[in-house]
N, C-alpha and C. Protein backbone atom coordinates (compact mmCIF):
# COMPACT_ATOMS: atom_id res chain seq x y z
N UNK A 1 302.23 183.04 76.22
CA UNK A 1 301.29 184.22 75.74
C UNK A 1 301.23 185.32 77.15
N UNK A 2 301.52 186.45 76.61
CA UNK A 2 301.75 187.59 77.69
C UNK A 2 300.29 188.10 78.07
N UNK A 3 300.33 188.59 79.28
CA UNK A 3 299.15 189.21 79.75
C UNK A 3 298.80 190.59 79.07
N UNK A 4 297.60 190.93 78.91
CA UNK A 4 297.07 192.37 78.22
C UNK A 4 297.24 193.38 79.10
N UNK A 5 297.67 194.51 79.14
CA UNK A 5 297.80 195.59 79.95
C UNK A 5 296.40 196.45 79.71
N UNK A 6 295.85 196.57 78.63
CA UNK A 6 294.37 197.31 78.55
C UNK A 6 293.27 196.66 79.23
N UNK A 7 292.42 197.57 79.59
CA UNK A 7 291.13 197.09 80.14
C UNK A 7 290.01 196.60 78.78
N UNK A 8 290.17 195.42 78.52
CA UNK A 8 289.41 194.90 77.30
C UNK A 8 288.13 194.64 77.85
N UNK A 9 287.11 195.16 77.14
CA UNK A 9 285.68 194.67 77.22
C UNK A 9 285.51 193.32 76.57
N UNK A 10 285.03 192.46 77.57
CA UNK A 10 284.69 191.07 76.82
C UNK A 10 283.29 191.21 76.16
N UNK A 11 283.33 191.45 74.81
CA UNK A 11 282.13 191.68 74.25
C UNK A 11 281.34 190.65 73.09
N UNK A 12 282.09 189.45 73.17
CA UNK A 12 281.83 188.35 72.30
C UNK A 12 281.57 187.16 73.21
N UNK A 13 280.36 186.80 73.36
CA UNK A 13 279.94 185.76 74.28
C UNK A 13 279.98 184.48 73.41
N UNK A 14 279.92 183.19 74.30
CA UNK A 14 279.79 182.10 73.51
C UNK A 14 278.65 182.02 72.95
N UNK A 15 278.63 181.73 71.52
CA UNK A 15 277.48 181.56 70.56
C UNK A 15 277.55 182.76 69.62
N UNK A 16 278.47 183.64 69.68
CA UNK A 16 278.63 184.77 68.74
C UNK A 16 279.37 184.38 67.41
N UNK A 17 278.74 184.88 66.34
CA UNK A 17 279.19 184.76 65.06
C UNK A 17 280.52 185.74 64.80
N UNK A 18 281.55 185.34 64.32
CA UNK A 18 282.62 186.22 64.13
C UNK A 18 283.28 185.85 62.56
N UNK A 19 283.49 187.01 61.86
CA UNK A 19 284.39 186.66 60.43
C UNK A 19 285.68 186.45 60.77
N UNK A 20 286.28 185.95 59.79
CA UNK A 20 287.70 185.63 59.89
C UNK A 20 288.31 186.70 58.77
N UNK A 21 289.60 187.10 59.05
CA UNK A 21 290.36 188.09 58.37
C UNK A 21 291.58 187.74 57.72
N UNK A 22 291.62 186.25 57.43
CA UNK A 22 292.84 185.58 56.92
C UNK A 22 292.40 184.84 55.75
N UNK A 23 293.30 184.19 55.08
CA UNK A 23 292.90 183.40 53.87
C UNK A 23 293.17 181.76 54.13
N UNK A 24 292.55 181.44 55.34
CA UNK A 24 292.66 180.01 55.76
C UNK A 24 291.57 179.14 55.40
N UNK A 25 290.51 179.74 54.60
CA UNK A 25 289.39 179.05 53.82
C UNK A 25 288.20 179.12 54.69
N UNK A 26 288.33 179.54 56.01
CA UNK A 26 287.14 179.73 56.81
C UNK A 26 286.64 181.21 56.41
N UNK A 27 285.21 181.41 56.53
CA UNK A 27 284.68 182.72 56.38
C UNK A 27 284.06 183.26 57.66
N UNK A 28 283.23 182.18 58.09
CA UNK A 28 282.25 182.61 59.30
C UNK A 28 282.59 181.71 60.46
N UNK A 29 282.75 182.18 61.62
CA UNK A 29 283.01 181.35 62.89
C UNK A 29 282.04 181.47 63.92
N UNK A 30 281.75 180.45 64.40
CA UNK A 30 280.88 180.51 65.82
C UNK A 30 281.52 180.14 66.95
N UNK A 31 281.54 181.07 67.88
CA UNK A 31 282.50 180.80 69.17
C UNK A 31 281.79 179.47 69.87
N UNK A 32 282.37 178.67 69.98
CA UNK A 32 281.90 177.29 70.94
C UNK A 32 282.35 177.58 72.51
N UNK A 33 283.73 177.98 72.49
CA UNK A 33 284.17 178.19 74.01
C UNK A 33 285.37 179.07 73.91
N UNK A 34 285.46 179.75 75.26
CA UNK A 34 286.74 180.52 75.37
C UNK A 34 287.40 179.91 76.47
N UNK A 35 288.93 179.86 75.92
CA UNK A 35 289.81 179.42 76.87
C UNK A 35 290.24 180.39 77.77
N UNK A 36 290.38 180.09 79.24
CA UNK A 36 290.68 180.95 80.19
C UNK A 36 289.69 181.91 80.59
N UNK A 37 288.49 181.68 80.21
CA UNK A 37 287.40 182.60 80.63
C UNK A 37 286.86 182.62 82.15
N UNK A 38 287.14 183.70 82.98
CA UNK A 38 286.67 183.51 84.32
C UNK A 38 285.27 184.31 84.35
N UNK A 39 284.50 183.79 85.03
CA UNK A 39 282.95 184.28 84.94
C UNK A 39 282.50 183.96 86.36
N UNK A 40 281.35 184.72 86.75
CA UNK A 40 280.50 184.24 87.82
C UNK A 40 279.42 183.15 87.57
N UNK A 41 278.76 182.64 88.16
CA UNK A 41 277.78 181.52 88.28
C UNK A 41 276.97 182.27 87.10
N UNK A 42 276.23 181.32 86.26
CA UNK A 42 275.37 181.35 85.27
C UNK A 42 275.49 182.58 84.31
N UNK A 43 276.78 182.86 84.34
CA UNK A 43 277.16 184.19 83.15
C UNK A 43 277.87 183.59 82.18
N UNK A 44 277.39 183.77 80.87
CA UNK A 44 278.13 183.12 79.75
C UNK A 44 279.50 183.69 79.49
N UNK A 45 280.46 182.86 79.26
CA UNK A 45 281.82 183.38 79.04
C UNK A 45 281.81 184.05 77.77
N UNK A 46 282.73 185.07 77.86
CA UNK A 46 282.75 186.00 76.61
C UNK A 46 284.27 186.29 76.33
N UNK A 47 284.57 186.73 74.96
CA UNK A 47 285.99 187.01 74.57
C UNK A 47 286.24 188.21 74.29
N UNK A 48 287.24 189.12 74.21
CA UNK A 48 287.62 190.23 73.74
C UNK A 48 288.95 190.01 72.82
N UNK A 49 289.54 191.25 72.65
CA UNK A 49 290.70 191.43 71.76
C UNK A 49 291.72 190.54 72.29
N UNK A 50 292.48 189.69 71.76
CA UNK A 50 293.54 188.66 72.23
C UNK A 50 293.27 187.59 72.79
N UNK A 51 291.85 187.27 72.84
CA UNK A 51 291.53 185.99 73.67
C UNK A 51 291.49 184.77 72.62
N UNK A 52 291.81 183.67 73.17
CA UNK A 52 292.10 182.22 72.50
C UNK A 52 290.54 181.67 72.54
N UNK A 53 289.86 181.46 71.41
CA UNK A 53 288.71 180.71 71.53
C UNK A 53 288.74 179.48 70.70
N UNK A 54 287.73 178.57 70.85
CA UNK A 54 287.50 177.54 70.09
C UNK A 54 286.21 177.75 69.40
N UNK A 55 286.25 177.68 67.99
CA UNK A 55 285.04 177.96 67.10
C UNK A 55 284.81 176.94 66.05
N UNK A 56 283.44 176.89 65.69
CA UNK A 56 283.17 176.16 64.66
C UNK A 56 283.03 176.78 63.24
N UNK A 57 283.53 176.15 62.22
CA UNK A 57 283.39 177.04 60.87
C UNK A 57 282.02 176.85 60.27
N UNK A 58 281.54 177.71 60.08
CA UNK A 58 279.99 177.67 59.63
C UNK A 58 279.96 178.17 58.10
N UNK A 59 280.92 178.85 57.53
CA UNK A 59 280.92 179.14 56.12
C UNK A 59 282.48 179.23 55.74
N UNK A 60 282.63 178.76 54.73
CA UNK A 60 284.07 178.58 54.16
C UNK A 60 284.24 177.54 53.39
N UNK A 61 285.26 176.91 52.78
CA UNK A 61 285.81 175.90 51.92
C UNK A 61 285.05 174.60 52.52
N UNK A 62 284.70 173.65 51.75
CA UNK A 62 284.05 172.38 52.19
C UNK A 62 285.02 171.61 52.89
N UNK A 63 286.26 171.65 52.88
CA UNK A 63 287.32 170.68 53.52
C UNK A 63 287.30 171.30 55.24
N UNK A 64 287.06 172.58 55.08
CA UNK A 64 287.06 173.05 56.58
C UNK A 64 285.73 173.45 57.26
N UNK A 65 284.88 173.23 56.52
CA UNK A 65 283.51 173.48 57.12
C UNK A 65 283.03 172.43 58.23
N UNK A 66 282.22 172.78 59.05
CA UNK A 66 281.95 171.71 60.33
C UNK A 66 283.02 171.30 61.12
N UNK A 67 283.80 171.90 61.16
CA UNK A 67 285.16 171.48 62.14
C UNK A 67 285.45 172.57 63.09
N UNK A 68 285.81 172.02 64.37
CA UNK A 68 286.33 172.95 65.36
C UNK A 68 287.62 173.34 65.19
N UNK A 69 287.94 174.54 65.35
CA UNK A 69 289.41 175.19 65.05
C UNK A 69 289.64 176.22 66.10
N UNK A 70 290.76 176.18 66.60
CA UNK A 70 291.43 177.46 67.29
C UNK A 70 291.42 178.67 66.66
N UNK A 71 291.12 179.70 67.38
CA UNK A 71 291.14 180.87 66.67
C UNK A 71 291.69 182.12 67.95
N UNK A 72 292.06 183.33 67.24
CA UNK A 72 292.18 184.49 68.21
C UNK A 72 291.35 185.54 67.86
N UNK A 73 290.75 186.22 68.63
CA UNK A 73 289.99 187.52 68.30
C UNK A 73 291.02 188.65 68.13
N UNK A 74 290.81 189.23 66.79
CA UNK A 74 291.96 190.54 66.54
C UNK A 74 291.17 191.71 66.49
N UNK A 75 289.79 191.68 66.55
CA UNK A 75 289.30 192.91 66.25
C UNK A 75 287.81 192.84 67.06
N UNK A 76 287.40 194.00 67.77
CA UNK A 76 286.04 193.96 68.16
C UNK A 76 285.26 195.25 67.98
N UNK A 77 283.95 195.38 67.77
CA UNK A 77 283.37 196.53 67.73
C UNK A 77 283.21 197.36 69.01
N UNK A 78 282.99 196.81 70.12
CA UNK A 78 282.82 197.42 71.28
C UNK A 78 284.03 198.13 71.67
N UNK A 79 283.92 199.49 72.04
CA UNK A 79 285.40 200.18 72.39
C UNK A 79 285.76 199.64 73.65
N UNK A 80 287.20 199.67 73.75
CA UNK A 80 287.90 199.38 75.12
C UNK A 80 288.93 200.36 75.20
N UNK A 81 289.48 200.38 76.62
CA UNK A 81 290.34 201.53 77.00
C UNK A 81 291.96 201.00 77.01
N UNK A 82 292.65 201.91 76.66
CA UNK A 82 294.22 201.67 76.69
C UNK A 82 294.67 202.26 77.92
N UNK A 83 295.83 201.93 78.50
CA UNK A 83 296.38 202.47 79.82
C UNK A 83 296.75 203.88 79.40
N UNK A 84 297.02 204.55 78.31
CA UNK A 84 297.21 205.87 78.11
C UNK A 84 295.92 206.77 77.89
N UNK A 85 294.69 206.13 78.18
CA UNK A 85 293.40 206.85 78.05
C UNK A 85 292.83 206.85 76.84
N UNK A 86 293.34 206.26 75.83
CA UNK A 86 293.10 206.33 74.38
C UNK A 86 291.98 205.21 74.24
N UNK A 87 290.83 205.16 73.62
CA UNK A 87 289.83 204.18 73.31
C UNK A 87 289.76 203.77 72.03
N UNK A 88 289.69 202.68 71.78
CA UNK A 88 289.97 201.84 70.69
C UNK A 88 288.73 201.01 70.14
N UNK A 89 288.14 201.17 68.92
CA UNK A 89 286.98 200.35 68.37
C UNK A 89 287.38 200.24 67.03
N UNK A 90 286.64 199.15 66.36
CA UNK A 90 287.04 198.71 64.98
C UNK A 90 285.58 198.61 64.32
N UNK A 91 285.61 198.48 62.86
CA UNK A 91 284.31 198.59 62.28
C UNK A 91 283.43 197.19 62.51
N UNK A 92 284.17 195.98 62.69
CA UNK A 92 283.50 194.69 62.84
C UNK A 92 284.33 193.80 63.86
N UNK A 93 283.80 192.70 64.13
CA UNK A 93 284.47 191.69 64.71
C UNK A 93 285.23 190.72 64.06
N UNK A 94 286.45 190.52 64.15
CA UNK A 94 287.14 189.52 63.43
C UNK A 94 288.09 188.67 64.09
N UNK A 95 288.32 187.46 63.71
CA UNK A 95 289.39 186.50 64.20
C UNK A 95 290.32 185.91 63.21
N UNK A 96 291.25 185.25 63.69
CA UNK A 96 292.40 184.52 62.99
C UNK A 96 292.41 183.13 63.40
N UNK A 97 292.34 182.30 62.15
CA UNK A 97 292.49 180.87 62.51
C UNK A 97 293.70 180.47 62.70
N UNK A 98 293.90 179.54 63.89
CA UNK A 98 295.23 179.08 64.08
C UNK A 98 295.39 177.60 63.85
N UNK A 99 296.68 177.02 63.55
CA UNK A 99 296.96 175.89 63.23
C UNK A 99 296.55 174.91 64.49
N UNK A 100 296.35 173.74 64.29
CA UNK A 100 295.94 172.80 65.35
C UNK A 100 296.95 172.24 66.25
N UNK A 101 298.16 172.49 65.89
CA UNK A 101 299.39 172.11 66.63
C UNK A 101 299.65 173.18 67.75
N UNK A 102 300.73 172.92 68.57
CA UNK A 102 300.77 173.90 69.71
C UNK A 102 301.73 175.13 69.35
N UNK A 103 301.88 175.32 68.14
CA UNK A 103 302.97 176.43 67.68
C UNK A 103 302.19 177.82 67.85
N UNK A 104 300.87 177.85 67.90
CA UNK A 104 300.27 179.14 67.89
C UNK A 104 300.40 180.06 66.69
N UNK A 105 300.57 179.45 65.55
CA UNK A 105 300.98 180.06 64.25
C UNK A 105 299.64 180.07 63.37
N UNK A 106 299.34 181.31 62.70
CA UNK A 106 298.06 181.13 61.90
C UNK A 106 298.19 180.23 60.86
N UNK A 107 296.80 179.83 60.39
CA UNK A 107 296.85 178.73 59.44
C UNK A 107 296.87 179.57 58.01
N UNK A 108 296.53 180.88 57.92
CA UNK A 108 296.62 181.54 56.60
C UNK A 108 297.76 182.26 56.45
N UNK A 109 298.21 182.92 55.29
CA UNK A 109 299.29 183.63 55.02
C UNK A 109 299.40 184.89 54.99
N UNK A 110 297.99 185.66 55.06
CA UNK A 110 297.81 186.99 54.85
C UNK A 110 296.64 187.52 55.76
N UNK A 111 296.77 188.50 56.56
CA UNK A 111 295.58 189.05 57.31
C UNK A 111 295.12 190.15 56.54
N UNK A 112 293.88 190.19 56.39
CA UNK A 112 293.32 191.64 55.72
C UNK A 112 292.84 192.48 56.75
N UNK A 113 293.17 193.83 56.50
CA UNK A 113 292.63 194.68 57.58
C UNK A 113 293.59 194.81 58.84
N UNK A 114 293.26 195.80 59.70
CA UNK A 114 294.10 195.92 60.68
C UNK A 114 294.06 194.96 62.08
N UNK A 115 294.85 194.77 62.81
CA UNK A 115 294.63 194.16 63.95
C UNK A 115 295.07 194.95 65.36
N UNK A 116 294.51 194.66 66.34
CA UNK A 116 294.89 195.47 67.70
C UNK A 116 296.14 195.04 68.06
N UNK A 117 296.66 196.23 68.64
CA UNK A 117 298.26 195.99 69.13
C UNK A 117 298.22 195.06 70.44
N UNK A 118 297.08 195.00 71.06
CA UNK A 118 297.25 194.00 72.16
C UNK A 118 297.13 192.56 71.83
N UNK A 119 296.42 192.34 70.68
CA UNK A 119 296.67 190.77 69.98
C UNK A 119 297.92 190.57 69.37
N UNK A 120 298.52 191.53 68.74
CA UNK A 120 300.02 191.36 68.12
C UNK A 120 300.88 191.24 69.26
N UNK A 121 300.72 191.83 70.53
CA UNK A 121 301.82 191.70 71.48
C UNK A 121 301.60 190.21 72.23
N UNK A 122 300.55 189.73 72.22
CA UNK A 122 300.13 188.65 72.85
C UNK A 122 300.42 187.34 72.08
N UNK A 123 300.38 187.44 70.57
CA UNK A 123 300.47 186.53 69.72
C UNK A 123 301.33 186.80 68.71
N UNK A 124 302.70 186.74 68.82
CA UNK A 124 303.66 187.21 67.89
C UNK A 124 303.69 186.48 66.52
N UNK A 125 303.08 185.27 66.38
CA UNK A 125 302.98 184.55 65.04
C UNK A 125 301.89 185.45 64.11
N UNK A 126 300.91 185.95 64.80
CA UNK A 126 299.89 186.79 64.06
C UNK A 126 300.60 188.12 63.67
N UNK A 127 301.40 188.55 64.66
CA UNK A 127 301.81 190.03 64.31
C UNK A 127 302.89 190.08 63.02
N UNK A 128 303.54 188.91 62.86
CA UNK A 128 304.42 188.87 61.84
C UNK A 128 303.63 188.84 60.49
N UNK A 129 302.63 188.43 60.31
CA UNK A 129 301.86 188.50 58.85
C UNK A 129 300.84 189.51 58.96
N UNK A 130 300.72 190.27 59.96
CA UNK A 130 299.89 191.53 59.94
C UNK A 130 300.34 192.46 58.93
N UNK A 131 299.40 193.19 58.26
CA UNK A 131 299.70 194.38 57.29
C UNK A 131 299.78 195.70 58.43
N UNK A 132 298.67 196.04 59.12
CA UNK A 132 298.42 197.19 59.80
C UNK A 132 298.23 196.68 61.32
N UNK A 133 298.90 197.31 62.35
CA UNK A 133 298.75 196.99 63.63
C UNK A 133 298.32 198.30 64.30
N UNK A 134 297.06 198.52 65.06
CA UNK A 134 296.65 199.67 65.40
C UNK A 134 296.81 199.77 67.01
């Protein structure tokens, strides 16, 4: 997992609901924890584009519902700044569900919609099946 060069605003706190943009069977995720989040005392940990989260599946296929799954945030509504000065924001918040093994590959085979370049650089398995990288 490579570091991110952009100044990404962490806009999805623990407890946020995020839609999925893949065909893994999950439709709506609830963020339970953010891996590697550094915060000050009493502040909720939050995630941004490219961050690895553990989420609970709230809507989706019956086999995958009520399970904890690893996921990566690939889009966020809150704008963030790239090193060249460009500001990027998306229409929705979205995540991609990963497999439970340590391979960091997506569970689904198709990603709907664009994904951020920062997430694609950090997670090459997601970049392979992405249609559009912004």
